């Protein structure tokens, strides 16, 4: 198998189950404010009974309303890890890396290495899509995979200033109600990578959620070129 230069892990965020959401805004200084910083990871069926799975990775890039759109760092490989035999080790990966205004995808395929490092699976190209700017651009491949990469509205609702006031002892009344709270991230964007994949490309899974339903156990990592 052809390999590219080794990528070493920087960030990780996991979800286990059917329709679950994980959020982790503002990571360590080595990743904060870059597209190595994972903000959100979503995995879900696009509709009830669908034979597809959608993966959404939101990456922080300090893309606030009064700033220009951010860009994907070309030294960062984003990897969606998929466990199909319930041992919490990735059996398949979907990789995404930007080059010259496009996002290139590879997999789903068995990784050449597992854990915190990896190499691009150049023998398993999945497709590519132009990175969106002001208008959303999507691409559908011959195998039925749908791809997107670009800025999207931050889905995380959080009253950041009230939170700081509460933990700093400056808000005796505590947290505000849902009607009173202010969404600090309203109007802000993340840099998002979206892949919709037919389950036939992922194969069978022995993983189960708390309801006993079959699920893929998945997590996302960002890796920097070494």
C-alpha atoms as a PDB file:
ATOM      1  CA  UNK A   1       0.000   0.000   0.000  1.00  0.00           C
ATOM      2  CA  UNK A   2       1.224   3.486  -0.831  1.00  0.00           C
ATOM      3  CA  UNK A   3       1.794   5.709   2.157  1.00  0.00           C
ATOM      4  CA  UNK A   4       2.410   9.368   2.776  1.00  0.00           C
ATOM      5  CA  UNK A   5       4.382  10.966   5.565  1.00  0.00           C
ATOM      6  CA  UNK A   6       3.408  10.074   9.120  1.00  0.00           C
ATOM      7  CA  UNK A   7       0.778  12.209  10.834  1.00  0.00           C
ATOM      8  CA  UNK A   8       0.857  12.382  14.645  1.00  0.00           C
ATOM      9  CA  UNK A   9      -2.274  12.838  16.732  1.00  0.00           C
ATOM     10  CA  UNK A  10      -3.250  16.218  18.184  1.00  0.00           C
ATOM     11  CA  UNK A  11      -6.937  16.112  19.105  1.00  0.00           C
ATOM     12  CA  UNK A  12      -9.607  13.483  19.663  1.00  0.00           C
ATOM     13  CA  UNK A  13     -13.349  13.400  20.334  1.00  0.00           C
ATOM     14  CA  UNK A  14     -15.550  10.322  20.558  1.00  0.00           C
ATOM     15  CA  UNK A  15     -19.177   9.363  20.289  1.00  0.00           C
ATOM     16  CA  UNK A  16     -20.667   5.937  20.835  1.00  0.00           C
ATOM     17  CA  UNK A  17     -24.221   5.189  19.829  1.00  0.00           C
ATOM     18  CA  UNK A  18     -26.825   5.999  17.227  1.00  0.00           C
ATOM     19  CA  UNK A  19     -27.771   9.671  17.150  1.00  0.00           C
ATOM     20  CA  UNK A  20     -25.324  11.252  19.594  1.00  0.00           C
ATOM     21  CA  UNK A  21     -23.521  14.567  19.825  1.00  0.00           C
ATOM     22  CA  UNK A  22     -20.186  15.326  21.427  1.00  0.00           C
ATOM     23  CA  UNK A  23     -18.854  18.849  21.963  1.00  0.00           C
ATOM     24  CA  UNK A  24     -15.437  20.077  23.061  1.00  0.00           C
ATOM     25  CA  UNK A  25     -14.984  23.770  22.291  1.00  0.00           C
ATOM     26  CA  UNK A  26     -11.579  25.412  22.767  1.00  0.00           C
ATOM     27  CA  UNK A  27      -8.895  22.794  23.294  1.00  0.00           C
ATOM     28  CA  UNK A  28      -5.295  22.929  24.452  1.00  0.00           C
ATOM     29  CA  UNK A  29      -3.009  25.808  23.340  1.00  0.00           C
ATOM     30  CA  UNK A  30      -1.306  23.608  20.727  1.00  0.00           C
ATOM     31  CA  UNK A  31      -4.563  23.242  18.789  1.00  0.00           C
ATOM     32  CA  UNK A  32      -6.773  26.155  19.905  1.00  0.00           C
ATOM     33  CA  UNK A  33      -7.883  28.449  17.099  1.00  0.00           C
ATOM     34  CA  UNK A  34      -6.811  26.069  14.332  1.00  0.00           C
ATOM     35  CA  UNK A  35      -8.514  23.347  12.358  1.00  0.00           C
ATOM     36  CA  UNK A  36      -6.690  20.792  14.495  1.00  0.00           C
ATOM     37  CA  UNK A  37      -9.082  21.776  17.310  1.00  0.00           C
ATOM     38  CA  UNK A  38     -12.186  19.568  17.233  1.00  0.00           C
ATOM     39  CA  UNK A  39     -15.310  21.409  18.361  1.00  0.00           C
ATOM     40  CA  UNK A  40     -18.139  18.964  17.620  1.00  0.00           C
ATOM     41  CA  UNK A  41     -18.626  15.465  16.242  1.00  0.00           C
ATOM     42  CA  UNK A  42     -22.005  14.150  15.091  1.00  0.00           C
ATOM     43  CA  UNK A  43     -23.087  10.777  13.736  1.00  0.00           C
ATOM     44  CA  UNK A  44     -26.652  10.032  12.666  1.00  0.00           C
ATOM     45  CA  UNK A  45     -28.988   8.528  10.093  1.00  0.00           C
ATOM     46  CA  UNK A  46     -30.187  11.230   7.666  1.00  0.00           C
ATOM     47  CA  UNK A  47     -33.744   9.878   7.999  1.00  0.00           C
ATOM     48  CA  UNK A  48     -35.567   7.092   9.825  1.00  0.00           C
ATOM     49  CA  UNK A  49     -34.739   3.732   8.320  1.00  0.00           C
ATOM     50  CA  UNK A  50     -32.029   5.151   6.058  1.00  0.00           C
ATOM     51  CA  UNK A  51     -29.242   2.876   4.878  1.00  0.00           C
ATOM     52  CA  UNK A  52     -26.738   5.752   5.141  1.00  0.00           C
ATOM     53  CA  UNK A  53     -24.751   7.257   8.008  1.00  0.00           C
ATOM     54  CA  UNK A  54     -23.765  10.935   8.200  1.00  0.00           C
ATOM     55  CA  UNK A  55     -20.597  12.048   9.979  1.00  0.00           C
ATOM     56  CA  UNK A  56     -20.079  15.741  10.770  1.00  0.00           C
ATOM     57  CA  UNK A  57     -16.809  17.103  12.162  1.00  0.00           C
ATOM     58  CA  UNK A  58     -16.777  20.755  13.257  1.00  0.00           C
ATOM     59  CA  UNK A  59     -13.310  22.258  13.650  1.00  0.00           C
ATOM     60  CA  UNK A  60     -12.582  25.478  15.507  1.00  0.00           C
ATOM     61  CA  UNK A  61     -10.945  28.240  13.539  1.00  0.00           C
ATOM     62  CA  UNK A  62     -11.854  31.442  15.448  1.00  0.00           C
ATOM     63  CA  UNK A  63     -14.446  32.115  12.745  1.00  0.00           C
ATOM     64  CA  UNK A  64     -16.460  34.805  14.509  1.00  0.00           C
ATOM     65  CA  UNK A  65     -19.100  37.000  12.833  1.00  0.00           C
ATOM     66  CA  UNK A  66     -16.772  39.981  12.460  1.00  0.00           C
ATOM     67  CA  UNK A  67     -13.869  37.947  11.047  1.00  0.00           C
ATOM     68  CA  UNK A  68     -13.230  36.567   7.583  1.00  0.00           C
ATOM     69  CA  UNK A  69     -13.962  32.917   6.995  1.00  0.00           C
ATOM     70  CA  UNK A  70     -11.230  30.646   8.268  1.00  0.00           C
ATOM     71  CA  UNK A  71      -9.300  28.125   6.231  1.00  0.00           C
ATOM     72  CA  UNK A  72      -8.418  24.474   6.634  1.00  0.00           C
ATOM     73  CA  UNK A  73      -4.777  23.878   7.542  1.00  0.00           C
ATOM     74  CA  UNK A  74      -3.139  21.772   4.820  1.00  0.00           C
ATOM     75  CA  UNK A  75      -0.849  20.112   7.378  1.00  0.00           C
ATOM     76  CA  UNK A  76      -3.821  18.652   9.297  1.00  0.00           C
ATOM     77  CA  UNK A  77      -5.325  15.241   8.523  1.00  0.00           C
ATOM     78  CA  UNK A  78      -8.818  14.690   9.956  1.00  0.00           C
ATOM     79  CA  UNK A  79      -9.658  11.047  10.552  1.00  0.00           C
ATOM     80  CA  UNK A  80     -13.049   9.522  11.386  1.00  0.00           C
ATOM     81  CA  UNK A  81     -12.356   6.227  13.148  1.00  0.00           C
ATOM     82  CA  UNK A  82     -14.945   3.438  12.983  1.00  0.00           C
ATOM     83  CA  UNK A  83     -15.014   0.373  15.252  1.00  0.00           C
ATOM     84  CA  UNK A  84     -17.096  -2.498  13.848  1.00  0.00           C
ATOM     85  CA  UNK A  85     -16.202  -5.348  16.238  1.00  0.00           C
ATOM     86  CA  UNK A  86     -16.771  -3.639  19.584  1.00  0.00           C
ATOM     87  CA  UNK A  87     -13.140  -3.631  20.784  1.00  0.00           C
ATOM     88  CA  UNK A  88     -12.710   0.182  20.669  1.00  0.00           C
ATOM     89  CA  UNK A  89      -9.913  -0.080  18.106  1.00  0.00           C
ATOM     90  CA  UNK A  90     -10.547   1.424  14.703  1.00  0.00           C
ATOM     91  CA  UNK A  91     -11.298  -1.153  12.002  1.00  0.00           C
ATOM     92  CA  UNK A  92     -11.977   1.435   9.300  1.00  0.00           C
ATOM     93  CA  UNK A  93     -11.178   5.101   8.837  1.00  0.00           C
ATOM     94  CA  UNK A  94     -12.434   7.925   6.661  1.00  0.00           C
ATOM     95  CA  UNK A  95      -9.780  10.578   6.120  1.00  0.00           C
ATOM     96  CA  UNK A  96      -9.999  14.181   4.923  1.00  0.00           C
ATOM     97  CA  UNK A  97      -7.174  16.549   4.018  1.00  0.00           C
ATOM     98  CA  UNK A  98      -7.273  19.896   2.164  1.00  0.00           C
ATOM     99  CA  UNK A  99      -5.166  20.814  -0.837  1.00  0.00           C
ATOM    100  CA  UNK A 100      -5.408  23.938  -3.015  1.00  0.00           C
ATOM    101  CA  UNK A 101      -9.031  24.795  -2.285  1.00  0.00           C
ATOM    102  CA  UNK A 102     -10.384  21.239  -2.292  1.00  0.00           C
ATOM    103  CA  UNK A 103     -10.993  18.671   0.443  1.00  0.00           C
ATOM    104  CA  UNK A 104      -9.822  15.182  -0.493  1.00  0.00           C
ATOM    105  CA  UNK A 105     -11.357  12.121   1.166  1.00  0.00           C
ATOM    106  CA  UNK A 106     -10.009   8.573   1.526  1.00  0.00           C
ATOM    107  CA  UNK A 107     -11.609   5.324   2.785  1.00  0.00           C
ATOM    108  CA  UNK A 108     -13.611   3.851   4.340  1.00  0.00           C
ATOM    109  CA  UNK A 109     -10.748   1.375   4.606  1.00  0.00           C
ATOM    110  CA  UNK A 110      -8.631  -0.392   7.192  1.00  0.00           C
ATOM    111  CA  UNK A 111      -5.940   1.959   8.536  1.00  0.00           C
ATOM    112  CA  UNK A 112      -2.281   1.191   7.964  1.00  0.00           C
ATOM    113  CA  UNK A 113      -1.689   2.001  11.652  1.00  0.00           C
ATOM    114  CA  UNK A 114      -4.034   2.389  14.616  1.00  0.00           C
ATOM    115  CA  UNK A 115      -3.867   4.735  17.567  1.00  0.00           C
ATOM    116  CA  UNK A 116      -2.519   8.278  17.595  1.00  0.00           C
ATOM    117  CA  UNK A 117      -0.678   8.300  14.280  1.00  0.00           C
ATOM    118  CA  UNK A 118      -1.599   7.478  10.717  1.00  0.00           C
ATOM    119  CA  UNK A 119      -0.843   7.806   7.044  1.00  0.00           C
ATOM    120  CA  UNK A 120      -3.055   8.866   4.156  1.00  0.00           C
ATOM    121  CA  UNK A 121      -4.656   5.883   2.430  1.00  0.00           C
ATOM    122  CA  UNK A 122      -3.862   7.049  -1.091  1.00  0.00           C
ATOM    123  CA  UNK A 123      -4.879   3.640  -2.497  1.00  0.00           C
ATOM    124  CA  UNK A 124      -8.453   4.184  -1.236  1.00  0.00           C
ATOM    125  CA  UNK A 125      -9.650   7.517  -2.681  1.00  0.00           C
ATOM    126  CA  UNK A 126     -13.249   8.335  -1.781  1.00  0.00           C
ATOM    127  CA  UNK A 127     -13.730  11.625  -3.626  1.00  0.00           C
ATOM    128  CA  UNK A 128     -13.193  15.350  -3.317  1.00  0.00           C
ATOM    129  CA  UNK A 129     -15.202  18.547  -3.067  1.00  0.00           C
ATOM    130  CA  UNK A 130     -14.364  22.220  -3.522  1.00  0.00           C
ATOM    131  CA  UNK A 131     -14.124  23.935  -0.133  1.00  0.00           C
ATOM    132  CA  UNK A 132     -17.150  26.200   0.231  1.00  0.00           C
ATOM    133  CA  UNK A 133     -16.859  29.876   1.000  1.00  0.00           C
ATOM    134  CA  UNK A 134     -20.034  31.984   0.825  1.00  0.00           C
ATOM    135  CA  UNK A 135     -22.123  29.381  -1.051  1.00  0.00           C
ATOM    136  CA  UNK A 136     -22.428  25.745   0.003  1.00  0.00           C
ATOM    137  CA  UNK A 137     -20.933  23.256  -2.460  1.00  0.00           C
ATOM    138  CA  UNK A 138     -21.639  19.523  -2.203  1.00  0.00           C
ATOM    139  CA  UNK A 139     -20.421  16.592  -4.250  1.00  0.00           C
ATOM    140  CA  UNK A 140     -21.983  13.147  -4.701  1.00  0.00           C
ATOM    141  CA  UNK A 141     -19.700  10.346  -5.848  1.00  0.00           C
ATOM    142  CA  UNK A 142     -20.550   7.387  -8.085  1.00  0.00           C
ATOM    143  CA  UNK A 143     -20.728   5.184  -4.964  1.00  0.00           C
ATOM    144  CA  UNK A 144     -23.417   7.406  -3.411  1.00  0.00           C
ATOM    145  CA  UNK A 145     -21.146   9.222  -0.932  1.00  0.00           C
ATOM    146  CA  UNK A 146     -21.999  12.886  -0.306  1.00  0.00           C
ATOM    147  CA  UNK A 147     -19.224  15.327   0.630  1.00  0.00           C
ATOM    148  CA  UNK A 148     -19.001  18.884   1.997  1.00  0.00           C
ATOM    149  CA  UNK A 149     -16.263  21.040   3.504  1.00  0.00           C
ATOM    150  CA  UNK A 150     -16.480  24.674   4.561  1.00  0.00           C
ATOM    151  CA  UNK A 151     -17.874  27.120   7.145  1.00  0.00           C
ATOM    152  CA  UNK A 152     -21.152  26.311   8.876  1.00  0.00           C
ATOM    153  CA  UNK A 153     -23.142  27.970  11.656  1.00  0.00           C
ATOM    154  CA  UNK A 154     -21.833  26.863  15.052  1.00  0.00           C
ATOM    155  CA  UNK A 155     -24.467  24.519  16.483  1.00  0.00           C
ATOM    156  CA  UNK A 156     -23.226  24.888  20.073  1.00  0.00           C
ATOM    157  CA  UNK A 157     -25.545  27.003  22.321  1.00  0.00           C
ATOM    158  CA  UNK A 158     -23.602  28.367  25.277  1.00  0.00           C
ATOM    159  CA  UNK A 159     -23.826  31.510  27.406  1.00  0.00           C
ATOM    160  CA  UNK A 160     -20.065  31.780  27.821  1.00  0.00           C
ATOM    161  CA  UNK A 161     -20.043  35.056  29.775  1.00  0.00           C
ATOM    162  CA  UNK A 162     -22.665  33.905  32.289  1.00  0.00           C
ATOM    163  CA  UNK A 163     -20.748  30.645  32.700  1.00  0.00           C
ATOM    164  CA  UNK A 164     -17.585  32.590  33.565  1.00  0.00           C
ATOM    165  CA  UNK A 165     -19.549  34.758  35.982  1.00  0.00           C
ATOM    166  CA  UNK A 166     -20.962  31.688  37.759  1.00  0.00           C
ATOM    167  CA  UNK A 167     -17.634  29.881  38.167  1.00  0.00           C
ATOM    168  CA  UNK A 168     -15.995  33.168  39.209  1.00  0.00           C
ATOM    169  CA  UNK A 169     -18.547  33.701  41.983  1.00  0.00           C
ATOM    170  CA  UNK A 170     -19.902  36.858  40.331  1.00  0.00           C
ATOM    171  CA  UNK A 171     -23.408  35.546  39.592  1.00  0.00           C
ATOM    172  CA  UNK A 172     -25.245  34.824  42.862  1.00  0.00           C
ATOM    173  CA  UNK A 173     -28.381  33.929  40.912  1.00  0.00           C
ATOM    174  CA  UNK A 174     -26.585  31.188  39.049  1.00  0.00           C
ATOM    175  CA  UNK A 175     -27.268  30.273  35.450  1.00  0.00           C
ATOM    176  CA  UNK A 176     -29.971  32.035  33.466  1.00  0.00           C
ATOM    177  CA  UNK A 177     -33.078  30.314  32.160  1.00  0.00           C
ATOM    178  CA  UNK A 178     -33.204  29.190  28.540  1.00  0.00           C
ATOM    179  CA  UNK A 179     -35.272  32.259  27.661  1.00  0.00           C
ATOM    180  CA  UNK A 180     -32.829  34.648  29.355  1.00  0.00           C
ATOM    181  CA  UNK A 181     -29.523  33.100  28.314  1.00  0.00           C
ATOM    182  CA  UNK A 182     -27.525  34.643  25.474  1.00  0.00           C
ATOM    183  CA  UNK A 183     -25.940  32.383  22.865  1.00  0.00           C
ATOM    184  CA  UNK A 184     -22.342  33.595  22.741  1.00  0.00           C
ATOM    185  CA  UNK A 185     -21.726  31.611  19.555  1.00  0.00           C
ATOM    186  CA  UNK A 186     -24.782  32.934  17.680  1.00  0.00           C
ATOM    187  CA  UNK A 187     -23.647  33.980  14.198  1.00  0.00           C
ATOM    188  CA  UNK A 188     -20.236  32.347  14.594  1.00  0.00           C
ATOM    189  CA  UNK A 189     -19.038  29.558  12.339  1.00  0.00           C
ATOM    190  CA  UNK A 190     -16.937  26.453  12.547  1.00  0.00           C
ATOM    191  CA  UNK A 191     -15.067  24.866   9.669  1.00  0.00           C
ATOM    192  CA  UNK A 192     -17.035  21.710   8.951  1.00  0.00           C
ATOM    193  CA  UNK A 193     -16.370  18.413   7.193  1.00  0.00           C
ATOM    194  CA  UNK A 194     -19.469  16.362   6.310  1.00  0.00           C
ATOM    195  CA  UNK A 195     -19.538  12.843   4.859  1.00  0.00           C
ATOM    196  CA  UNK A 196     -22.690  10.823   4.160  1.00  0.00           C
ATOM    197  CA  UNK A 197     -21.769   7.185   3.527  1.00  0.00           C
ATOM    198  CA  UNK A 198     -23.884   4.179   2.501  1.00  0.00           C
ATOM    199  CA  UNK A 199     -23.698   1.626   5.306  1.00  0.00           C
ATOM    200  CA  UNK A 200     -22.761  -0.986   2.708  1.00  0.00           C
ATOM    201  CA  UNK A 201     -19.335   0.696   2.522  1.00  0.00           C
ATOM    202  CA  UNK A 202     -18.941   0.462   6.300  1.00  0.00           C
ATOM    203  CA  UNK A 203     -19.982  -3.195   6.577  1.00  0.00           C
ATOM    204  CA  UNK A 204     -21.633  -4.988   9.479  1.00  0.00           C
ATOM    205  CA  UNK A 205     -21.059  -4.039  13.105  1.00  0.00           C
ATOM    206  CA  UNK A 206     -21.305  -5.964  16.364  1.00  0.00           C
ATOM    207  CA  UNK A 207     -21.466  -2.768  18.422  1.00  0.00           C
ATOM    208  CA  UNK A 208     -24.675  -2.014  20.331  1.00  0.00           C
ATOM    209  CA  UNK A 209     -26.025   1.007  22.159  1.00  0.00           C
ATOM    210  CA  UNK A 210     -27.912   1.040  25.476  1.00  0.00           C
ATOM    211  CA  UNK A 211     -31.118   0.077  23.663  1.00  0.00           C
ATOM    212  CA  UNK A 212     -29.515  -2.983  22.126  1.00  0.00           C
ATOM    213  CA  UNK A 213     -29.517  -1.485  18.636  1.00  0.00           C
ATOM    214  CA  UNK A 214     -26.611  -2.097  16.282  1.00  0.00           C
ATOM    215  CA  UNK A 215     -24.346   0.953  16.018  1.00  0.00           C
ATOM    216  CA  UNK A 216     -20.906   1.928  14.808  1.00  0.00           C
ATOM    217  CA  UNK A 217     -18.647   3.107  17.614  1.00  0.00           C
ATOM    218  CA  UNK A 218     -16.810   6.092  16.218  1.00  0.00           C
ATOM    219  CA  UNK A 219     -14.429   8.877  17.169  1.00  0.00           C
ATOM    220  CA  UNK A 220     -12.556  11.579  15.310  1.00  0.00           C
ATOM    221  CA  UNK A 221      -8.907  12.569  15.521  1.00  0.00           C
ATOM    222  CA  UNK A 222      -6.828  15.352  14.018  1.00  0.00           C
ATOM    223  CA  UNK A 223      -3.226  14.652  13.108  1.00  0.00           C
ATOM    224  CA  UNK A 224      -0.415  16.994  12.107  1.00  0.00           C
ATOM    225  CA  UNK A 225       2.177  16.219   9.477  1.00  0.00           C
ATOM    226  CA  UNK A 226       5.548  15.304  10.988  1.00  0.00           C
END
